[in-house]
Amino acid sequence: MSSFRSDLLRTLDERGYIHQCTDAGALDALALIPGEVTAYVGYDCTASSLHVGHLVSIMMLRTLQRAGHQPIALVGGGTTKVGDPSFRDESRPLLDDAAIEANKAGIQRNLEAFLDFGPPTDNGAGAVLVDNAAWLDELRYIPFLRDFGTHFTINRMLTFDSVKLRLEREQPLTLLEFNYMVMQAYDFLELARRHDCRLQMGGSDQWGNIVNGVELGRRIDAVQLFGLTTPLITTASGAKMGKTAAGAVWLDAERLSPFDYWQYWRNTEDADVGRFLKLFTELPLAEITRLEALQGGEINEAKKVLAFEATTLAHGRAAAEAAAAAARVQFEGEGPAAIEGAGLPTIAIAAERLAAGLSVLELFQLAGLARSNAEVRRLIRGGGAKLDDERIDDEMLVVPGDRLTRGALKLSAGKKRHVLVKSS
């Protein structure tokens, strides 16, 4: 049972979000006052979408809003021009302004699925989206160094793990990157001044940067700021959260289909089900306790609930229902007649291209299920290639054009990868 008195910290604690906090008692007291806590999480614009690795911090902002407080999502239009060196072996590629703006728009779309932006709602104060380029782009270098650089010593900066790691591996750390932690601390100070923001949240790898901001606020403006970090989220087998053999698990439906997103959660390891239900859904804790206690094959029902709830948050209920229907087609033996509208990944091929028919070698590559003729042949020889759930044994098979134009075909590579092929 949590010892916190405020709904905010008690919920964060009971669901497993809290790792470190600069002054938990004082923050808990502040959070008892309705609407008193404004908190932010920063997201640099390094890609056009956030991914599952960002989801814990997004859920923390959502929890904060549902507890009646105000979340700020900070997009790093300014800091992206520098690049966060935390726990990286080498510098991030520098992006131009156009790429940063495009990525910023994509990140905003991701966040809008989880947070209510704008005026206050039944879920609490309206979330605010800010871009640190608004102040970082306007800084004059010498005045900035004179006013704020004196509050950071090189001695202490060299003790941070993010810096030590790069130096121990004898990888270069540029002067540009070395400025990043000062800029992030300044972000916190600016948000405190502009929005009365009192709390910064982030992953445990950001602890040093967050503490810098807390201390800068105390030294410059004599204001008490707070930092709260989440534990590093890994799977039971030790894998980093949000990474798969195919790459990142993106929140943007254009980069990863809702079906594949649903399937990622459905494939959760048994030992992780209860923990992930607490972190990545809003189901009551009593229901989560019931689900995580399921044994044997019944634990798969809990995984389906996790997949459905997580997909609903990211993509909406309709997409989650379509993905669940697609999974029933894929794993529970429903035939090809049931696949229309089930939410499987789909490709469309021009009717004129289909007229003479297409070989299965070409079809599997167009569907993204193989990268070469040789790979399709290996799949066929291994018994993993199927057309409408029937095994393909003939490597020279040509699918007639009229069959492709009558409706969708289902191509399968093994048990878990399926694509619909339609005529356009």
Protein backbone atom coordinates (compact mmCIF):
# COMPACT_ATOMS: atom_id res chain seq x y z
CA MET A 1 0.00 0.00 0.00
CA SER A 2 1.37 3.40 -0.96
CA SER A 3 2.32 5.85 1.79
CA PHE A 4 1.56 8.90 -0.37
CA ARG A 5 -1.49 11.01 0.47
CA SER A 6 -2.11 12.71 -2.87
CA ASP A 7 -4.01 10.91 -5.61
CA LEU A 8 -1.24 11.78 -8.06
CA LEU A 9 1.74 10.27 -6.26
CA ARG A 10 -0.25 7.40 -4.79
CA THR A 11 -1.39 6.36 -8.28
CA LEU A 12 2.09 6.76 -9.78
CA ASP A 13 3.58 4.74 -6.93
CA GLU A 14 1.02 1.92 -6.97
CA ARG A 15 1.34 1.47 -10.72
CA GLY A 16 5.15 1.34 -10.67
CA TYR A 17 6.14 4.67 -12.23
CA ILE A 18 8.32 6.12 -9.47
CA HIS A 19 12.06 5.43 -9.30
CA GLN A 20 13.61 8.61 -7.86
CA CYS A 21 12.20 11.89 -6.55
CA THR A 22 14.11 14.92 -5.33
CA ASP A 23 11.75 15.64 -2.41
CA ALA A 24 8.85 13.20 -2.40
CA GLY A 25 7.29 14.52 0.81
CA ALA A 26 7.11 18.13 -0.34
CA LEU A 27 5.87 17.14 -3.79
CA ASP A 28 3.17 14.94 -2.21
CA ALA A 29 2.01 17.89 -0.09
CA LEU A 30 1.90 20.15 -3.15
CA ALA A 31 -0.07 17.56 -5.12
CA LEU A 32 -2.79 17.55 -2.41
CA ILE A 33 -3.81 21.01 -3.63
CA PRO A 34 -6.18 20.68 -6.61
CA GLY A 35 -4.58 21.82 -9.86
CA GLU A 36 -1.39 22.95 -8.14
CA VAL A 37 1.15 20.76 -9.94
CA THR A 38 2.25 21.68 -13.43
CA ALA A 39 4.73 19.13 -14.75
CA TYR A 40 6.60 18.57 -17.98
CA VAL A 41 8.34 15.90 -19.98
CA GLY A 42 10.62 16.76 -22.89
CA TYR A 43 10.76 15.00 -26.25
CA ASP A 44 13.44 15.88 -28.77
CA CYS A 45 12.35 15.93 -32.41
CA THR A 46 14.74 13.23 -33.62
CA ALA A 47 12.07 11.17 -35.45
CA SER A 48 8.63 11.69 -36.95
CA SER A 49 7.04 9.56 -34.25
CA LEU A 50 7.51 8.65 -30.62
CA HIS A 51 7.76 4.96 -29.78
CA VAL A 52 6.87 2.58 -26.96
CA GLY A 53 10.06 3.56 -25.15
CA HIS A 54 8.46 7.00 -24.59
CA LEU A 55 5.18 5.55 -23.40
CA VAL A 56 5.91 5.47 -19.66
CA SER A 57 6.50 9.22 -19.55
CA ILE A 58 3.41 9.86 -21.70
CA MET A 59 1.31 7.75 -19.33
CA MET A 60 2.71 9.75 -16.40
CA LEU A 61 1.56 13.00 -18.03
CA ARG A 62 -1.84 11.39 -18.65
CA THR A 63 -2.06 10.27 -15.02
CA LEU A 64 -1.14 13.78 -13.87
CA GLN A 65 -3.91 15.28 -16.01
CA ARG A 66 -6.49 12.77 -14.80
CA ALA A 67 -5.53 13.68 -11.22
CA GLY A 68 -6.56 17.29 -11.96
CA HIS A 69 -3.14 18.83 -12.62
CA GLN A 70 -1.62 20.36 -15.76
CA PRO A 71 0.77 18.50 -18.08
CA ILE A 72 3.24 20.22 -20.37
CA ALA A 73 4.68 18.36 -23.33
CA LEU A 74 7.92 20.06 -24.32
CA VAL A 75 9.11 19.39 -27.85
CA GLY A 76 12.78 20.12 -28.27
CA GLY A 77 12.90 22.21 -31.41
CA GLY A 78 15.95 23.90 -29.87
CA THR A 79 17.70 21.03 -28.10
CA THR A 80 17.28 18.76 -31.13
CA LYS A 81 19.77 21.06 -32.88
CA VAL A 82 22.32 19.92 -30.28
CA GLY A 83 21.37 16.30 -29.57
CA ASP A 84 21.10 14.58 -26.19
CA PRO A 85 24.34 12.66 -25.57
CA SER A 86 22.86 10.60 -22.73
CA PHE A 87 24.08 6.99 -22.89
CA ARG A 88 25.04 7.17 -26.56
CA ASP A 89 28.35 6.03 -28.00
CA GLU A 90 28.38 8.70 -30.68
CA SER A 91 26.83 12.01 -31.62
CA ARG A 92 23.31 12.08 -33.02
CA PRO A 93 23.01 13.17 -36.68
CA LEU A 94 22.14 16.87 -36.83
CA LEU A 95 18.81 17.65 -38.53
CA ASP A 96 17.91 20.75 -40.50
CA ASP A 97 15.03 23.04 -39.49
CA ALA A 98 12.56 21.52 -41.97
CA ALA A 99 13.14 17.99 -40.67
CA ILE A 100 12.79 19.16 -37.07
CA GLU A 101 9.47 20.87 -37.84
CA ALA A 102 8.13 17.78 -39.61
CA ASN A 103 9.14 15.57 -36.69
CA LYS A 104 7.59 18.02 -34.25
CA ALA A 105 4.24 17.74 -36.04
CA GLY A 106 4.39 13.95 -35.91
CA ILE A 107 5.17 13.95 -32.18
CA GLN A 108 2.27 16.32 -31.54
CA ARG A 109 -0.11 13.88 -33.27
CA ASN A 110 1.17 11.06 -31.05
CA LEU A 111 0.63 13.07 -27.89
CA GLU A 112 -2.88 14.15 -28.86
CA ALA A 113 -3.99 10.51 -28.65
CA PHE A 114 -3.12 10.44 -24.94
CA LEU A 115 -3.56 13.99 -23.64
CA ASP A 116 -6.37 16.55 -23.76
CA PHE A 117 -4.88 19.78 -25.13
CA GLY A 118 -6.53 23.15 -24.86
CA PRO A 119 -9.17 24.33 -22.34
CA PRO A 120 -9.78 22.49 -19.05
CA THR A 121 -11.80 19.26 -19.37
CA ASP A 122 -13.39 16.71 -17.06
CA ASN A 123 -9.96 15.04 -16.99
CA GLY A 124 -8.30 18.13 -15.52
CA ALA A 125 -6.42 21.14 -16.84
CA GLY A 126 -5.76 21.29 -20.55
CA ALA A 127 -2.35 20.04 -21.62
CA VAL A 128 0.07 22.54 -23.12
CA LEU A 129 2.51 21.93 -25.97
CA VAL A 130 5.60 24.13 -25.95
CA ASP A 131 8.76 24.24 -28.05
CA ASN A 132 12.02 25.19 -26.36
CA ALA A 133 13.18 26.81 -29.59
CA ALA A 134 11.00 29.74 -28.43
CA TRP A 135 13.69 30.71 -25.95
CA LEU A 136 16.81 28.74 -26.92
CA ASP A 137 16.90 30.18 -30.45
CA GLU A 138 16.88 33.68 -29.01
CA LEU A 139 19.77 33.25 -26.59
CA ARG A 140 22.95 35.27 -26.99
CA TYR A 141 25.86 33.01 -26.27
CA ILE A 142 28.11 35.20 -24.12
CA PRO A 143 25.32 36.58 -21.90
CA PHE A 144 23.91 33.07 -21.49
CA LEU A 145 27.28 31.65 -20.42
CA ARG A 146 27.87 34.56 -18.04
CA ASP A 147 24.44 34.35 -16.41
CA PHE A 148 24.07 30.58 -16.19
CA GLY A 149 27.40 28.91 -16.94
CA THR A 150 28.80 29.89 -13.55
CA HIS A 151 26.28 27.55 -11.88
CA PHE A 152 27.72 24.44 -13.57
CA THR A 153 31.18 23.08 -12.82
CA ILE A 154 33.05 20.89 -15.24
CA ASN A 155 34.10 18.73 -12.27
CA ARG A 156 30.50 17.80 -11.50
CA MET A 157 29.41 17.49 -15.10
CA LEU A 158 32.15 14.91 -15.63
CA THR A 159 30.64 12.75 -12.88
CA PHE A 160 27.35 12.22 -14.73
CA ASP A 161 26.95 8.72 -16.12
CA SER A 162 25.98 10.00 -19.56
CA VAL A 163 29.34 11.79 -19.82
CA LYS A 164 31.46 9.14 -18.08
CA LEU A 165 30.19 6.42 -20.39
CA ARG A 166 31.30 8.28 -23.51
CA LEU A 167 34.71 9.11 -22.04
CA GLU A 168 35.33 5.59 -20.72
CA ARG A 169 34.68 4.21 -24.19
CA GLU A 170 37.05 6.82 -25.63
CA GLN A 171 34.28 8.16 -27.85
CA PRO A 172 34.41 11.90 -28.59
CA LEU A 173 31.99 14.18 -26.72
CA THR A 174 31.70 17.47 -28.58
CA LEU A 175 31.48 20.89 -26.98
CA LEU A 176 28.04 21.20 -28.62
CA GLU A 177 26.76 18.07 -26.84
CA PHE A 178 28.39 19.06 -23.57
CA ASN A 179 26.11 22.11 -23.56
CA TYR A 180 23.00 19.91 -23.69
CA MET A 181 22.63 19.42 -19.94
CA VAL A 182 22.92 23.18 -19.36
CA MET A 183 20.22 23.81 -21.98
CA GLN A 184 17.88 21.24 -20.42
CA ALA A 185 18.33 22.80 -16.99
CA TYR A 186 17.55 26.19 -18.52
CA ASP A 187 14.39 24.73 -20.07
CA PHE A 188 13.12 23.88 -16.58
CA LEU A 189 13.87 27.39 -15.36
CA GLU A 190 12.05 28.95 -18.33
CA LEU A 191 9.01 26.71 -17.85
CA ALA A 192 8.91 27.61 -14.16
CA ARG A 193 8.91 31.30 -15.09
CA ARG A 194 6.47 31.07 -18.00
CA HIS A 195 4.04 28.39 -16.78
CA ASP A 196 4.71 28.02 -13.03
CA CYS A 197 5.97 24.51 -13.85
CA ARG A 198 7.23 22.85 -10.67
CA LEU A 199 7.99 19.27 -11.72
CA GLN A 200 10.06 17.63 -14.44
CA MET A 201 9.51 13.93 -15.12
CA GLY A 202 11.56 11.56 -17.25
CA GLY A 203 13.42 8.29 -17.45
CA SER A 204 16.10 7.33 -14.95
CA ASP A 205 18.78 8.17 -17.53
CA GLN A 206 17.71 11.83 -17.22
CA TRP A 207 18.22 12.08 -13.44
CA GLY A 208 21.40 14.16 -13.64
CA ASN A 209 19.91 16.57 -16.16
CA ILE A 210 16.73 16.93 -14.10
CA VAL A 211 18.64 17.60 -10.86
CA ASN A 212 20.59 20.31 -12.69
CA GLY A 213 17.32 22.07 -13.48
CA VAL A 214 16.08 21.74 -9.91
CA GLU A 215 19.28 23.29 -8.58
CA LEU A 216 19.32 26.05 -11.21
CA GLY A 217 15.81 27.11 -10.20
CA ARG A 218 16.87 27.29 -6.56
CA ARG A 219 20.03 29.28 -7.28
CA ILE A 220 18.65 31.73 -9.82
CA ASP A 221 15.04 32.31 -8.72
CA ALA A 222 14.99 30.77 -5.22
CA VAL A 223 12.07 28.55 -6.26
CA GLN A 224 11.57 24.95 -5.17
CA LEU A 225 11.37 22.67 -8.19
CA PHE A 226 11.01 18.89 -8.21
CA GLY A 227 12.33 16.00 -10.26
CA LEU A 228 10.79 12.55 -10.63
CA THR A 229 12.14 9.69 -12.71
CA THR A 230 10.80 6.32 -13.78
CA PRO A 231 12.70 3.05 -13.60
CA LEU A 232 14.34 1.72 -16.74
CA ILE A 233 11.67 -0.50 -18.29
CA THR A 234 12.98 -3.79 -19.62
CA THR A 235 11.24 -7.05 -20.36
CA ALA A 236 11.57 -10.06 -18.07
CA SER A 237 14.24 -11.44 -20.41
CA GLY A 238 16.25 -8.22 -20.12
CA ALA A 239 15.44 -6.72 -23.52
CA LYS A 240 15.02 -2.94 -23.83
CA MET A 241 11.41 -1.86 -23.92
CA GLY A 242 10.13 -0.76 -27.31
CA LYS A 243 12.72 -2.52 -29.45
CA THR A 244 12.09 -5.60 -31.58
CA ALA A 245 14.04 -7.45 -34.24
CA ALA A 246 12.10 -5.41 -36.80
CA GLY A 247 12.98 -2.10 -35.16
CA ALA A 248 11.22 0.44 -32.94
CA VAL A 249 7.58 0.00 -31.95
CA TRP A 250 6.28 3.34 -33.24
CA LEU A 251 3.14 5.09 -31.98
CA ASP A 252 2.35 6.50 -35.43
CA ALA A 253 -0.02 4.26 -37.40
CA GLU A 254 1.77 5.18 -40.64
CA ARG A 255 5.04 3.78 -39.31
CA LEU A 256 3.55 0.76 -37.55
CA SER A 257 0.04 -0.52 -38.22
CA PRO A 258 -2.42 -0.78 -35.32
CA PHE A 259 -2.48 -4.53 -35.94
CA ASP A 260 1.29 -4.83 -35.49
CA TYR A 261 1.08 -2.55 -32.45
CA TRP A 262 -1.63 -4.81 -30.96
CA GLN A 263 0.48 -7.85 -31.74
CA TYR A 264 3.51 -6.37 -29.98
CA TRP A 265 1.56 -6.24 -26.72
CA ARG A 266 -0.05 -9.63 -27.35
CA ASN A 267 3.45 -11.14 -27.47
CA THR A 268 4.34 -9.85 -23.99
CA GLU A 269 6.26 -12.34 -21.87
CA ASP A 270 4.14 -14.05 -19.21
CA ALA A 271 6.17 -12.55 -16.37
CA ASP A 272 5.57 -9.01 -17.65
CA VAL A 273 1.78 -9.07 -18.03
CA GLY A 274 0.83 -7.66 -14.62
CA ARG A 275 3.55 -4.99 -14.65
CA PHE A 276 2.68 -3.83 -18.16
CA LEU A 277 -1.05 -3.74 -17.38
CA LYS A 278 -0.25 -1.32 -14.54
CA LEU A 279 2.07 0.85 -16.62
CA PHE A 280 0.38 0.90 -20.00
CA THR A 281 -3.36 0.64 -19.30
CA GLU A 282 -5.82 2.33 -16.96
CA LEU A 283 -7.55 -0.83 -15.78
CA PRO A 284 -8.34 -0.87 -12.03
CA LEU A 285 -5.62 -2.49 -9.94
CA ALA A 286 -8.05 -5.13 -8.64
CA GLU A 287 -8.77 -6.26 -12.21
CA ILE A 288 -5.06 -6.33 -13.00
CA THR A 289 -4.44 -8.50 -9.93
CA ARG A 290 -7.05 -10.94 -11.23
CA LEU A 291 -5.60 -11.01 -14.72
CA GLU A 292 -1.97 -11.48 -13.70
CA ALA A 293 -2.96 -14.41 -11.48
CA LEU A 294 -4.21 -16.43 -14.47
CA GLN A 295 -2.24 -19.60 -15.04
CA GLY A 296 -1.20 -21.69 -18.02
CA GLY A 297 -2.94 -20.93 -21.29
CA GLU A 298 -5.35 -18.55 -19.56
CA ILE A 299 -2.59 -15.93 -19.28
CA ASN A 300 -3.12 -15.39 -23.02
CA GLU A 301 -6.49 -13.84 -22.22
CA ALA A 302 -4.71 -11.30 -20.02
CA LYS A 303 -2.32 -10.54 -22.89
CA LYS A 304 -5.26 -9.90 -25.20
CA VAL A 305 -6.70 -7.46 -22.66
CA LEU A 306 -3.31 -5.72 -22.46
CA ALA A 307 -3.09 -5.52 -26.25
CA PHE A 308 -6.63 -4.20 -26.58
CA GLU A 309 -6.31 -1.56 -23.86
CA ALA A 310 -2.89 -0.34 -25.02
CA THR A 311 -4.00 -0.15 -28.67
CA THR A 312 -7.18 1.70 -27.68
CA LEU A 313 -5.12 4.39 -25.95
CA ALA A 314 -2.76 4.85 -28.89
CA HIS A 315 -5.09 4.37 -31.87
CA GLY A 316 -8.69 4.41 -30.63
CA ARG A 317 -11.25 1.73 -29.85
CA ALA A 318 -12.19 1.01 -33.48
CA ALA A 319 -8.58 0.27 -34.42
CA ALA A 320 -8.18 -1.96 -31.36
CA GLU A 321 -11.33 -3.92 -32.23
CA ALA A 322 -10.15 -4.33 -35.83
CA ALA A 323 -6.75 -5.54 -34.65
CA ALA A 324 -8.37 -8.02 -32.24
CA ALA A 325 -10.54 -9.33 -35.08
CA ALA A 326 -7.48 -9.70 -37.29
CA ALA A 327 -5.74 -11.66 -34.55
CA ARG A 328 -8.69 -14.04 -34.32
CA VAL A 329 -8.39 -14.62 -38.06
CA GLN A 330 -4.67 -15.16 -37.75
CA PHE A 331 -4.52 -17.41 -34.70
CA GLU A 332 -7.95 -18.95 -34.25
CA GLY A 333 -8.50 -20.49 -37.64
CA GLU A 334 -11.12 -18.28 -39.29
CA GLY A 335 -10.95 -18.74 -43.06
CA PRO A 336 -10.13 -16.23 -45.80
CA ALA A 337 -13.77 -15.21 -46.16
CA ALA A 338 -13.53 -13.59 -42.73
CA ILE A 339 -10.47 -11.49 -43.41
CA GLU A 340 -12.14 -8.48 -45.08
CA GLY A 341 -12.16 -5.57 -42.66
CA ALA A 342 -10.32 -7.52 -39.99
CA GLY A 343 -7.46 -5.05 -39.80
CA LEU A 344 -4.58 -7.05 -41.26
CA PRO A 345 -1.85 -5.06 -43.02
CA THR A 346 -3.00 -4.48 -46.61
CA ILE A 347 -1.36 -3.65 -49.93
CA ALA A 348 -3.14 -2.60 -53.11
CA ILE A 349 -1.82 -3.46 -56.57
CA ALA A 350 -2.98 -1.76 -59.75
CA ALA A 351 -5.52 -3.86 -61.68
CA GLU A 352 -3.57 -3.56 -64.95
CA ARG A 353 -0.52 -5.06 -63.27
CA LEU A 354 -2.61 -7.99 -62.10
CA ALA A 355 -4.16 -8.77 -65.48
CA ALA A 356 -1.56 -11.32 -66.55
CA GLY A 357 -1.23 -12.76 -63.08
CA LEU A 358 1.66 -12.48 -60.60
CA SER A 359 4.10 -15.08 -59.44
CA VAL A 360 4.18 -15.90 -55.75
CA LEU A 361 7.84 -14.84 -55.80
CA GLU A 362 6.80 -11.34 -56.78
CA LEU A 363 3.71 -11.22 -54.58
CA PHE A 364 5.58 -12.03 -51.38
CA GLN A 365 8.11 -9.31 -52.11
CA LEU A 366 5.44 -6.73 -52.96
CA ALA A 367 3.73 -7.61 -49.68
CA GLY A 368 6.95 -7.02 -47.75
CA LEU A 369 7.09 -10.62 -46.53
CA ALA A 370 10.42 -11.30 -48.26
CA ARG A 371 13.24 -9.27 -49.78
CA SER A 372 14.33 -11.49 -52.66
CA ASN A 373 13.32 -14.44 -54.82
CA ALA A 374 15.75 -16.59 -52.87
CA GLU A 375 14.10 -15.66 -49.58
CA VAL A 376 10.64 -16.56 -50.95
CA ARG A 377 11.97 -19.89 -52.19
CA ARG A 378 13.44 -20.69 -48.78
CA LEU A 379 10.11 -19.82 -47.20
CA ILE A 380 8.27 -22.14 -49.60
CA ARG A 381 10.73 -25.00 -49.11
CA GLY A 382 10.40 -24.62 -45.36
CA GLY A 383 6.61 -24.90 -45.54
CA GLY A 384 6.05 -21.36 -44.23
CA ALA A 385 4.48 -19.77 -47.32
CA LYS A 386 0.66 -19.86 -47.54
CA LEU A 387 -1.97 -18.44 -49.84
CA ASP A 388 -5.41 -18.09 -48.21
CA ASP A 389 -4.17 -20.37 -45.42
CA GLU A 390 -3.15 -23.13 -47.86
CA ARG A 391 0.48 -24.15 -48.05
CA ILE A 392 2.37 -23.21 -51.22
CA ASP A 393 4.66 -25.94 -52.54
CA ASP A 394 5.22 -24.73 -56.11
CA GLU A 395 7.93 -22.10 -56.36
CA MET A 396 6.80 -21.26 -59.91
CA LEU A 397 3.14 -20.72 -58.98
CA VAL A 398 1.44 -17.81 -60.75
CA VAL A 399 -1.73 -16.40 -59.19
CA PRO A 400 -4.23 -15.64 -62.00
CA GLY A 401 -5.29 -12.05 -62.42
CA ASP A 402 -9.00 -12.85 -62.15
CA ARG A 403 -8.45 -14.40 -58.72
CA LEU A 404 -6.74 -11.25 -57.49
CA THR A 405 -9.48 -8.97 -58.81
CA ARG A 406 -12.36 -10.96 -57.21
CA GLY A 407 -11.35 -9.94 -53.67
CA ALA A 408 -8.53 -9.89 -51.17
CA LEU A 409 -5.94 -12.62 -50.92
CA LYS A 410 -4.23 -13.50 -47.70
CA LEU A 411 -0.49 -14.15 -47.87
CA SER A 412 1.22 -15.71 -44.87
CA ALA A 413 4.90 -16.09 -44.00
CA GLY A 414 5.05 -18.44 -41.04
CA LYS A 415 2.50 -18.27 -38.26
CA LYS A 416 2.73 -14.59 -37.34
CA ARG A 417 3.16 -12.53 -40.52
CA HIS A 418 0.13 -11.96 -42.74
CA VAL A 419 -0.75 -9.42 -45.43
CA LEU A 420 -3.89 -8.85 -47.51
CA VAL A 421 -3.44 -8.20 -51.23
CA LYS A 422 -6.16 -6.24 -53.01
CA SER A 423 -6.74 -4.83 -56.46
CA SER A 424 -6.78 -1.04 -56.79
